[in-house]
Amino acid sequence: MSILVQEQQPAANPFQAPRTAHNARRRASNIAIVVLSLLATAFAVAVLLYLLLYVLRAGLPYINIDLFTKIPTPNGEPGGGIGNAIQGSLILVGLASLFGIPLGLFTGIYLAEFGHGAFATGIRFLVDVLTGVPTIIFGLIAWVYIVVPQQGFSGLAGGVALGIIMIP
């Protein structure tokens, strides 16, 4: 008596769909969309590079040391620079750092070293609140409490607002 044993086929992968005409259409449409996406990306990058090269070609002759050191000239006159804008930015960042860095640093040290208890929990909560507040709100607060009482704009208001933003 002989026994015939049929060779068993391995179980089909349940995660792999059978290859049918429908799947072939899906693969073809997938390839078409990928090709179209790559073409659109290449077009966008080409336009960006063209604009960048155009601006660099037109603007590089005018970038020199005078641009960074001189003040703006009146309209219609050649030359001028952005020296006062750079100076104002440095003053504003200095004011903000003078206010924000010590307070933020000391708060961080306190929370890391002595951060146990109700007071530390309250400080952590306030830091989390400061982190979640949009920056425009800090600008409005500085405007209400600094600009309006002074009856005019000042760099101090910007420095205080940026300093508060730097705390967390």
N, C-alpha and C. Protein backbone atom coordinates (compact mmCIF):
# COMPACT_ATOMS: atom_id res chain seq x y z
N MET A 1 0.84 -1.14 0.00
CA MET A 1 0.00 0.00 0.00
C MET A 1 0.91 1.22 0.00
N SER A 2 0.62 2.07 -0.89
CA SER A 2 1.42 3.28 -0.96
C SER A 2 0.54 4.48 -0.62
N ILE A 3 1.14 5.39 0.04
CA ILE A 3 0.40 6.59 0.45
C ILE A 3 0.94 7.76 -0.36
N LEU A 4 0.03 8.40 -1.00
CA LEU A 4 0.40 9.60 -1.74
C LEU A 4 0.23 10.81 -0.82
N VAL A 5 1.28 11.54 -0.69
CA VAL A 5 1.22 12.75 0.15
C VAL A 5 1.29 13.95 -0.78
N GLN A 6 0.28 14.76 -0.65
CA GLN A 6 0.29 15.97 -1.47
C GLN A 6 1.18 17.02 -0.80
N GLU A 7 1.92 17.68 -1.64
CA GLU A 7 2.77 18.75 -1.12
C GLU A 7 1.89 19.95 -0.81
N GLN A 8 2.01 20.42 0.40
CA GLN A 8 1.15 21.54 0.79
C GLN A 8 1.79 22.85 0.35
N GLN A 9 0.92 23.73 -0.09
CA GLN A 9 1.35 25.07 -0.49
C GLN A 9 1.48 25.93 0.77
N PRO A 10 2.45 26.82 0.80
CA PRO A 10 2.53 27.71 1.96
C PRO A 10 1.29 28.60 2.04
N ALA A 11 0.93 28.93 3.23
CA ALA A 11 -0.26 29.76 3.43
C ALA A 11 -0.04 31.12 2.77
N ALA A 12 -1.10 31.62 2.17
CA ALA A 12 -1.02 32.92 1.51
C ALA A 12 -0.83 34.02 2.56
N ASN A 13 -0.07 35.01 2.20
CA ASN A 13 0.16 36.14 3.10
C ASN A 13 -1.13 36.95 3.19
N PRO A 14 -1.72 37.08 4.36
CA PRO A 14 -2.99 37.81 4.46
C PRO A 14 -2.81 39.31 4.24
N PHE A 15 -1.59 39.80 4.30
CA PHE A 15 -1.36 41.23 4.14
C PHE A 15 -1.04 41.61 2.70
N GLN A 16 -0.91 40.63 1.83
CA GLN A 16 -0.59 40.92 0.45
C GLN A 16 -1.80 40.58 -0.41
N ALA A 17 -2.28 41.57 -1.13
CA ALA A 17 -3.46 41.36 -1.97
C ALA A 17 -3.07 40.55 -3.20
N PRO A 18 -3.98 39.75 -3.68
CA PRO A 18 -3.67 38.99 -4.89
C PRO A 18 -3.50 39.94 -6.07
N ARG A 19 -2.64 39.54 -6.99
CA ARG A 19 -2.37 40.40 -8.15
C ARG A 19 -3.49 40.21 -9.16
N THR A 20 -4.25 41.25 -9.32
CA THR A 20 -5.36 41.22 -10.26
C THR A 20 -5.26 42.43 -11.17
N ALA A 21 -6.18 42.51 -12.10
CA ALA A 21 -6.21 43.65 -13.02
C ALA A 21 -6.50 44.95 -12.26
N HIS A 22 -7.33 44.84 -11.22
CA HIS A 22 -7.64 46.03 -10.42
C HIS A 22 -6.38 46.56 -9.74
N ASN A 23 -5.57 45.65 -9.21
CA ASN A 23 -4.33 46.08 -8.57
C ASN A 23 -3.35 46.66 -9.58
N ALA A 24 -3.34 46.15 -10.77
CA ALA A 24 -2.47 46.70 -11.81
C ALA A 24 -2.87 48.14 -12.13
N ARG A 25 -4.17 48.40 -12.19
CA ARG A 25 -4.63 49.78 -12.42
C ARG A 25 -4.23 50.68 -11.26
N ARG A 26 -4.34 50.17 -10.05
CA ARG A 26 -3.96 50.97 -8.88
C ARG A 26 -2.47 51.28 -8.89
N ARG A 27 -1.65 50.28 -9.26
CA ARG A 27 -0.21 50.52 -9.34
C ARG A 27 0.11 51.55 -10.42
N ALA A 28 -0.56 51.45 -11.56
CA ALA A 28 -0.32 52.41 -12.64
C ALA A 28 -0.72 53.82 -12.24
N SER A 29 -1.86 53.96 -11.57
CA SER A 29 -2.28 55.30 -11.14
C SER A 29 -1.35 55.82 -10.05
N ASN A 30 -0.86 54.95 -9.19
CA ASN A 30 0.09 55.35 -8.16
C ASN A 30 1.37 55.87 -8.80
N ILE A 31 1.89 55.16 -9.78
CA ILE A 31 3.10 55.60 -10.46
C ILE A 31 2.87 56.93 -11.16
N ALA A 32 1.71 57.09 -11.79
CA ALA A 32 1.41 58.35 -12.47
C ALA A 32 1.37 59.51 -11.49
N ILE A 33 0.76 59.32 -10.34
CA ILE A 33 0.68 60.39 -9.34
C ILE A 33 2.06 60.71 -8.79
N VAL A 34 2.88 59.70 -8.55
CA VAL A 34 4.24 59.93 -8.06
C VAL A 34 5.04 60.73 -9.08
N VAL A 35 4.93 60.37 -10.36
CA VAL A 35 5.65 61.09 -11.41
C VAL A 35 5.16 62.54 -11.49
N LEU A 36 3.84 62.75 -11.42
CA LEU A 36 3.31 64.12 -11.45
C LEU A 36 3.77 64.92 -10.24
N SER A 37 3.82 64.28 -9.08
CA SER A 37 4.30 64.97 -7.88
C SER A 37 5.77 65.36 -8.01
N LEU A 38 6.57 64.46 -8.55
CA LEU A 38 7.99 64.77 -8.76
C LEU A 38 8.16 65.90 -9.77
N LEU A 39 7.37 65.90 -10.84
CA LEU A 39 7.45 66.98 -11.82
C LEU A 39 7.04 68.32 -11.21
N ALA A 40 5.98 68.32 -10.41
CA ALA A 40 5.55 69.56 -9.76
C ALA A 40 6.61 70.06 -8.78
N THR A 41 7.23 69.15 -8.04
CA THR A 41 8.29 69.53 -7.12
C THR A 41 9.48 70.10 -7.87
N ALA A 42 9.87 69.45 -8.96
CA ALA A 42 11.00 69.93 -9.76
C ALA A 42 10.70 71.31 -10.33
N PHE A 43 9.47 71.54 -10.77
CA PHE A 43 9.09 72.85 -11.30
C PHE A 43 9.17 73.92 -10.21
N ALA A 44 8.65 73.62 -9.03
CA ALA A 44 8.67 74.59 -7.93
C ALA A 44 10.11 74.90 -7.52
N VAL A 45 10.97 73.89 -7.45
CA VAL A 45 12.37 74.12 -7.08
C VAL A 45 13.07 74.93 -8.17
N ALA A 46 12.76 74.67 -9.44
CA ALA A 46 13.37 75.43 -10.53
C ALA A 46 12.97 76.90 -10.46
N VAL A 47 11.70 77.18 -10.19
CA VAL A 47 11.25 78.57 -10.07
C VAL A 47 11.93 79.24 -8.89
N LEU A 48 12.03 78.55 -7.77
CA LEU A 48 12.69 79.10 -6.59
C LEU A 48 14.16 79.40 -6.88
N LEU A 49 14.86 78.49 -7.52
CA LEU A 49 16.27 78.72 -7.86
C LEU A 49 16.43 79.88 -8.83
N TYR A 50 15.52 79.98 -9.80
CA TYR A 50 15.57 81.10 -10.75
C TYR A 50 15.42 82.42 -10.01
N LEU A 51 14.44 82.51 -9.13
CA LEU A 51 14.23 83.75 -8.37
C LEU A 51 15.42 84.07 -7.48
N LEU A 52 15.96 83.07 -6.82
CA LEU A 52 17.11 83.27 -5.95
C LEU A 52 18.31 83.77 -6.74
N LEU A 53 18.60 83.14 -7.86
CA LEU A 53 19.74 83.56 -8.68
C LEU A 53 19.52 84.96 -9.26
N TYR A 54 18.30 85.28 -9.64
CA TYR A 54 17.99 86.60 -10.18
C TYR A 54 18.22 87.68 -9.12
N VAL A 55 17.73 87.44 -7.91
CA VAL A 55 17.90 88.41 -6.83
C VAL A 55 19.38 88.54 -6.47
N LEU A 56 20.10 87.43 -6.40
CA LEU A 56 21.52 87.50 -6.09
C LEU A 56 22.30 88.24 -7.17
N ARG A 57 21.99 87.98 -8.44
CA ARG A 57 22.69 88.64 -9.53
C ARG A 57 22.43 90.15 -9.51
N ALA A 58 21.20 90.54 -9.21
CA ALA A 58 20.87 91.96 -9.20
C ALA A 58 21.33 92.65 -7.91
N GLY A 59 21.39 91.94 -6.79
CA GLY A 59 21.67 92.59 -5.52
C GLY A 59 23.08 92.51 -5.01
N LEU A 60 23.85 91.52 -5.43
CA LEU A 60 25.21 91.36 -4.90
C LEU A 60 26.11 92.58 -5.11
N PRO A 61 26.01 93.30 -6.23
CA PRO A 61 26.87 94.47 -6.37
C PRO A 61 26.62 95.55 -5.31
N TYR A 62 25.45 95.56 -4.70
CA TYR A 62 25.11 96.60 -3.74
C TYR A 62 25.37 96.19 -2.29
N ILE A 63 25.77 94.97 -2.07
CA ILE A 63 26.07 94.52 -0.71
C ILE A 63 27.55 94.79 -0.44
N ASN A 64 27.78 95.78 0.42
CA ASN A 64 29.14 96.12 0.82
C ASN A 64 29.10 96.61 2.27
N ILE A 65 30.21 97.08 2.77
CA ILE A 65 30.28 97.48 4.18
C ILE A 65 29.40 98.70 4.46
N ASP A 66 29.22 99.56 3.45
CA ASP A 66 28.38 100.75 3.65
C ASP A 66 26.93 100.36 3.93
N LEU A 67 26.47 99.27 3.38
CA LEU A 67 25.10 98.83 3.62
C LEU A 67 24.86 98.59 5.10
N PHE A 68 25.85 98.08 5.80
CA PHE A 68 25.69 97.71 7.20
C PHE A 68 26.08 98.82 8.17
N THR A 69 26.75 99.86 7.70
CA THR A 69 27.24 100.89 8.61
C THR A 69 26.58 102.25 8.44
N LYS A 70 26.05 102.56 7.29
CA LYS A 70 25.47 103.89 7.05
C LYS A 70 23.98 103.89 7.34
N ILE A 71 23.46 105.10 7.59
CA ILE A 71 22.02 105.24 7.83
C ILE A 71 21.31 105.42 6.49
N PRO A 72 20.01 105.20 6.44
CA PRO A 72 19.29 105.35 5.18
C PRO A 72 19.35 106.80 4.66
N THR A 73 19.39 106.94 3.35
CA THR A 73 19.36 108.26 2.73
C THR A 73 17.93 108.61 2.37
N PRO A 74 17.64 109.88 2.14
CA PRO A 74 16.28 110.25 1.71
C PRO A 74 15.93 109.58 0.38
N ASN A 75 14.65 109.47 0.12
CA ASN A 75 14.19 108.84 -1.12
C ASN A 75 14.76 109.57 -2.32
N GLY A 76 15.20 108.80 -3.30
CA GLY A 76 15.73 109.36 -4.53
C GLY A 76 17.23 109.55 -4.52
N GLU A 77 17.85 109.52 -3.39
CA GLU A 77 19.30 109.67 -3.32
C GLU A 77 19.96 108.30 -3.30
N PRO A 78 21.07 108.14 -4.01
CA PRO A 78 21.73 106.84 -4.01
C PRO A 78 22.46 106.59 -2.70
N GLY A 79 22.75 105.33 -2.46
CA GLY A 79 23.50 104.95 -1.27
C GLY A 79 22.60 104.71 -0.08
N GLY A 80 23.20 104.79 1.06
CA GLY A 80 22.45 104.55 2.29
C GLY A 80 22.67 103.14 2.79
N GLY A 81 22.12 102.88 3.95
CA GLY A 81 22.31 101.56 4.53
C GLY A 81 21.29 101.27 5.60
N ILE A 82 21.57 100.24 6.36
CA ILE A 82 20.65 99.79 7.41
C ILE A 82 21.33 99.81 8.77
N GLY A 83 22.28 100.70 8.94
CA GLY A 83 23.04 100.76 10.19
C GLY A 83 22.17 101.02 11.40
N ASN A 84 21.21 101.94 11.27
CA ASN A 84 20.37 102.23 12.44
C ASN A 84 19.43 101.07 12.76
N ALA A 85 19.01 100.30 11.77
CA ALA A 85 18.17 99.13 12.04
C ALA A 85 18.96 98.06 12.78
N ILE A 86 20.20 97.86 12.39
CA ILE A 86 21.04 96.88 13.09
C ILE A 86 21.31 97.34 14.52
N GLN A 87 21.60 98.63 14.70
CA GLN A 87 21.84 99.16 16.04
C GLN A 87 20.60 99.03 16.91
N GLY A 88 19.43 99.34 16.37
CA GLY A 88 18.18 99.21 17.12
C GLY A 88 17.89 97.77 17.50
N SER A 89 18.16 96.85 16.58
CA SER A 89 17.94 95.43 16.88
C SER A 89 18.85 94.96 18.00
N LEU A 90 20.10 95.39 17.97
CA LEU A 90 21.03 95.00 19.03
C LEU A 90 20.62 95.58 20.38
N ILE A 91 20.15 96.82 20.40
CA ILE A 91 19.69 97.43 21.65
C ILE A 91 18.46 96.69 22.17
N LEU A 92 17.53 96.36 21.27
CA LEU A 92 16.31 95.67 21.68
C LEU A 92 16.63 94.28 22.24
N VAL A 93 17.51 93.55 21.58
CA VAL A 93 17.89 92.23 22.08
C VAL A 93 18.64 92.36 23.40
N GLY A 94 19.45 93.41 23.55
CA GLY A 94 20.15 93.63 24.81
C GLY A 94 19.19 93.90 25.95
N LEU A 95 18.18 94.76 25.71
CA LEU A 95 17.18 95.03 26.74
C LEU A 95 16.41 93.76 27.11
N ALA A 96 16.01 93.01 26.09
CA ALA A 96 15.25 91.78 26.35
C ALA A 96 16.11 90.79 27.14
N SER A 97 17.37 90.66 26.77
CA SER A 97 18.25 89.74 27.48
C SER A 97 18.50 90.18 28.91
N LEU A 98 18.62 91.49 29.11
CA LEU A 98 18.83 92.03 30.45
C LEU A 98 17.66 91.69 31.36
N PHE A 99 16.47 91.66 30.80
CA PHE A 99 15.28 91.37 31.59
C PHE A 99 15.00 89.87 31.66
N GLY A 100 15.08 89.18 30.53
CA GLY A 100 14.62 87.79 30.45
C GLY A 100 15.60 86.74 30.91
N ILE A 101 16.88 86.91 30.60
CA ILE A 101 17.85 85.86 30.91
C ILE A 101 18.01 85.65 32.41
N PRO A 102 18.24 86.70 33.21
CA PRO A 102 18.40 86.43 34.65
C PRO A 102 17.16 85.80 35.28
N LEU A 103 15.99 86.32 34.95
CA LEU A 103 14.77 85.79 35.54
C LEU A 103 14.53 84.33 35.12
N GLY A 104 14.72 84.05 33.83
CA GLY A 104 14.55 82.68 33.35
C GLY A 104 15.59 81.73 33.92
N LEU A 105 16.82 82.20 34.00
CA LEU A 105 17.90 81.36 34.54
C LEU A 105 17.68 81.05 36.01
N PHE A 106 17.36 82.07 36.79
CA PHE A 106 17.14 81.85 38.22
C PHE A 106 15.90 80.99 38.47
N THR A 107 14.87 81.17 37.64
CA THR A 107 13.68 80.33 37.77
C THR A 107 14.02 78.87 37.48
N GLY A 108 14.79 78.64 36.42
CA GLY A 108 15.19 77.27 36.09
C GLY A 108 16.04 76.63 37.16
N ILE A 109 16.99 77.39 37.70
CA ILE A 109 17.83 76.86 38.77
C ILE A 109 17.00 76.54 40.00
N TYR A 110 16.08 77.44 40.36
CA TYR A 110 15.23 77.19 41.53
C TYR A 110 14.41 75.92 41.33
N LEU A 111 13.79 75.78 40.15
CA LEU A 111 12.95 74.61 39.92
C LEU A 111 13.76 73.33 39.88
N ALA A 112 15.00 73.39 39.37
CA ALA A 112 15.82 72.19 39.30
C ALA A 112 16.37 71.78 40.67
N GLU A 113 16.73 72.75 41.49
CA GLU A 113 17.37 72.44 42.76
C GLU A 113 16.39 72.36 43.93
N PHE A 114 15.42 73.25 43.97
CA PHE A 114 14.52 73.32 45.11
C PHE A 114 13.06 73.17 44.69
N GLY A 115 12.81 72.51 43.58
CA GLY A 115 11.49 72.48 42.98
C GLY A 115 10.52 71.51 43.58
N HIS A 116 10.39 71.49 44.90
CA HIS A 116 9.44 70.60 45.56
C HIS A 116 8.53 71.46 46.43
N GLY A 117 7.25 71.25 46.30
CA GLY A 117 6.33 71.99 47.15
C GLY A 117 5.32 72.78 46.33
N ALA A 118 4.46 73.45 47.05
CA ALA A 118 3.36 74.18 46.42
C ALA A 118 3.86 75.38 45.63
N PHE A 119 4.85 76.10 46.16
CA PHE A 119 5.37 77.28 45.46
C PHE A 119 5.99 76.88 44.13
N ALA A 120 6.78 75.81 44.13
CA ALA A 120 7.41 75.33 42.89
C ALA A 120 6.36 74.85 41.90
N THR A 121 5.30 74.22 42.40
CA THR A 121 4.22 73.79 41.51
C THR A 121 3.56 75.00 40.86
N GLY A 122 3.36 76.05 41.63
CA GLY A 122 2.80 77.28 41.07
C GLY A 122 3.70 77.91 40.03
N ILE A 123 5.01 77.93 40.30
CA ILE A 123 5.97 78.49 39.34
C ILE A 123 5.97 77.67 38.06
N ARG A 124 5.95 76.33 38.19
CA ARG A 124 5.90 75.48 36.99
C ARG A 124 4.64 75.76 36.18
N PHE A 125 3.52 75.94 36.87
CA PHE A 125 2.27 76.25 36.19
C PHE A 125 2.39 77.57 35.43
N LEU A 126 2.96 78.59 36.07
CA LEU A 126 3.11 79.88 35.40
C LEU A 126 4.05 79.80 34.21
N VAL A 127 5.11 79.01 34.32
CA VAL A 127 6.03 78.83 33.19
C VAL A 127 5.31 78.13 32.04
N ASP A 128 4.49 77.12 32.36
CA ASP A 128 3.72 76.45 31.32
C ASP A 128 2.73 77.40 30.66
N VAL A 129 2.12 78.26 31.45
CA VAL A 129 1.19 79.25 30.89
C VAL A 129 1.93 80.21 29.97
N LEU A 130 3.11 80.70 30.42
CA LEU A 130 3.89 81.60 29.58
C LEU A 130 4.30 80.94 28.27
N THR A 131 4.58 79.66 28.31
CA THR A 131 4.96 78.93 27.10
C THR A 131 3.80 78.84 26.12
N GLY A 132 2.59 78.73 26.63
CA GLY A 132 1.44 78.54 25.76
C GLY A 132 0.76 79.80 25.27
N VAL A 133 1.17 80.97 25.78
CA VAL A 133 0.52 82.22 25.38
C VAL A 133 1.10 82.70 24.05
N PRO A 134 0.26 83.08 23.09
CA PRO A 134 0.77 83.62 21.83
C PRO A 134 1.56 84.91 22.06
N THR A 135 2.57 85.15 21.26
CA THR A 135 3.45 86.30 21.46
C THR A 135 2.73 87.62 21.26
N ILE A 136 1.69 87.64 20.45
CA ILE A 136 0.96 88.89 20.25
C ILE A 136 0.34 89.38 21.56
N ILE A 137 -0.02 88.46 22.43
CA ILE A 137 -0.59 88.84 23.73
C ILE A 137 0.45 89.59 24.56
N PHE A 138 1.71 89.13 24.53
CA PHE A 138 2.76 89.84 25.26
C PHE A 138 2.96 91.24 24.69
N GLY A 139 2.87 91.36 23.37
CA GLY A 139 2.98 92.68 22.76
C GLY A 139 1.85 93.59 23.18
N LEU A 140 0.63 93.05 23.25
CA LEU A 140 -0.51 93.86 23.70
C LEU A 140 -0.36 94.28 25.16
N ILE A 141 0.13 93.38 25.99
CA ILE A 141 0.33 93.71 27.40
C ILE A 141 1.38 94.83 27.54
N ALA A 142 2.47 94.72 26.79
CA ALA A 142 3.49 95.77 26.83
C ALA A 142 2.93 97.08 26.31
N TRP A 143 2.09 97.02 25.31
CA TRP A 143 1.48 98.25 24.78
C TRP A 143 0.58 98.91 25.82
N VAL A 144 -0.24 98.09 26.50
CA VAL A 144 -1.18 98.64 27.48
C VAL A 144 -0.44 99.23 28.68
N TYR A 145 0.57 98.52 29.20
CA TYR A 145 1.20 98.94 30.44
C TYR A 145 2.44 99.82 30.27
N ILE A 146 2.99 99.93 29.06
CA ILE A 146 4.19 100.74 28.87
C ILE A 146 3.96 101.85 27.84
N VAL A 147 3.44 101.50 26.66
CA VAL A 147 3.31 102.49 25.59
C VAL A 147 2.22 103.51 25.92
N VAL A 148 1.06 103.05 26.34
CA VAL A 148 -0.05 103.98 26.62
C VAL A 148 0.29 104.94 27.76
N PRO A 149 0.82 104.49 28.91
CA PRO A 149 1.17 105.46 29.96
C PRO A 149 2.26 106.45 29.54
N GLN A 150 3.20 106.02 28.69
CA GLN A 150 4.25 106.93 28.22
C GLN A 150 3.76 107.85 27.12
N GLN A 151 2.60 107.58 26.57
CA GLN A 151 2.00 108.35 25.47
C GLN A 151 2.92 108.40 24.26
N GLY A 152 3.56 107.29 23.96
CA GLY A 152 4.41 107.19 22.78
C GLY A 152 5.12 105.86 22.73
N PHE A 153 5.54 105.50 21.54
CA PHE A 153 6.23 104.23 21.36
C PHE A 153 7.65 104.32 21.91
N SER A 154 8.16 103.18 22.35
CA SER A 154 9.53 103.16 22.87
C SER A 154 10.12 101.77 22.67
N GLY A 155 11.44 101.74 22.67
CA GLY A 155 12.12 100.45 22.59
C GLY A 155 11.99 99.66 23.87
N LEU A 156 11.72 100.37 24.96
CA LEU A 156 11.56 99.69 26.25
C LEU A 156 10.39 98.71 26.21
N ALA A 157 9.29 99.10 25.57
CA ALA A 157 8.13 98.22 25.48
C ALA A 157 8.48 96.94 24.72
N GLY A 158 9.19 97.08 23.61
CA GLY A 158 9.61 95.90 22.86
C GLY A 158 10.58 95.04 23.64
N GLY A 159 11.51 95.68 24.37
CA GLY A 159 12.46 94.93 25.17
C GLY A 159 11.79 94.15 26.28
N VAL A 160 10.81 94.78 26.95
CA VAL A 160 10.08 94.09 28.02
C VAL A 160 9.28 92.92 27.45
N ALA A 161 8.58 93.16 26.33
CA ALA A 161 7.78 92.09 25.72
C ALA A 161 8.68 90.92 25.31
N LEU A 162 9.80 91.20 24.65
CA LEU A 162 10.71 90.12 24.26
C LEU A 162 11.34 89.44 25.47
N GLY A 163 11.61 90.21 26.51
CA GLY A 163 12.17 89.63 27.74
C GLY A 163 11.21 88.66 28.39
N ILE A 164 9.92 89.00 28.41
CA ILE A 164 8.92 88.08 28.98
C ILE A 164 8.83 86.82 28.13
N ILE A 165 8.92 86.99 26.81
CA ILE A 165 8.87 85.82 25.92
C ILE A 165 10.08 84.91 26.16
N MET A 166 11.22 85.48 26.53
CA MET A 166 12.44 84.70 26.75
C MET A 166 12.43 83.92 28.06
N ILE A 167 11.58 84.26 28.99
CA ILE A 167 11.63 83.65 30.33
C ILE A 167 11.45 82.13 30.30
N PRO A 168 10.41 81.60 29.67
CA PRO A 168 10.24 80.14 29.78
C PRO A 168 11.33 79.41 29.04
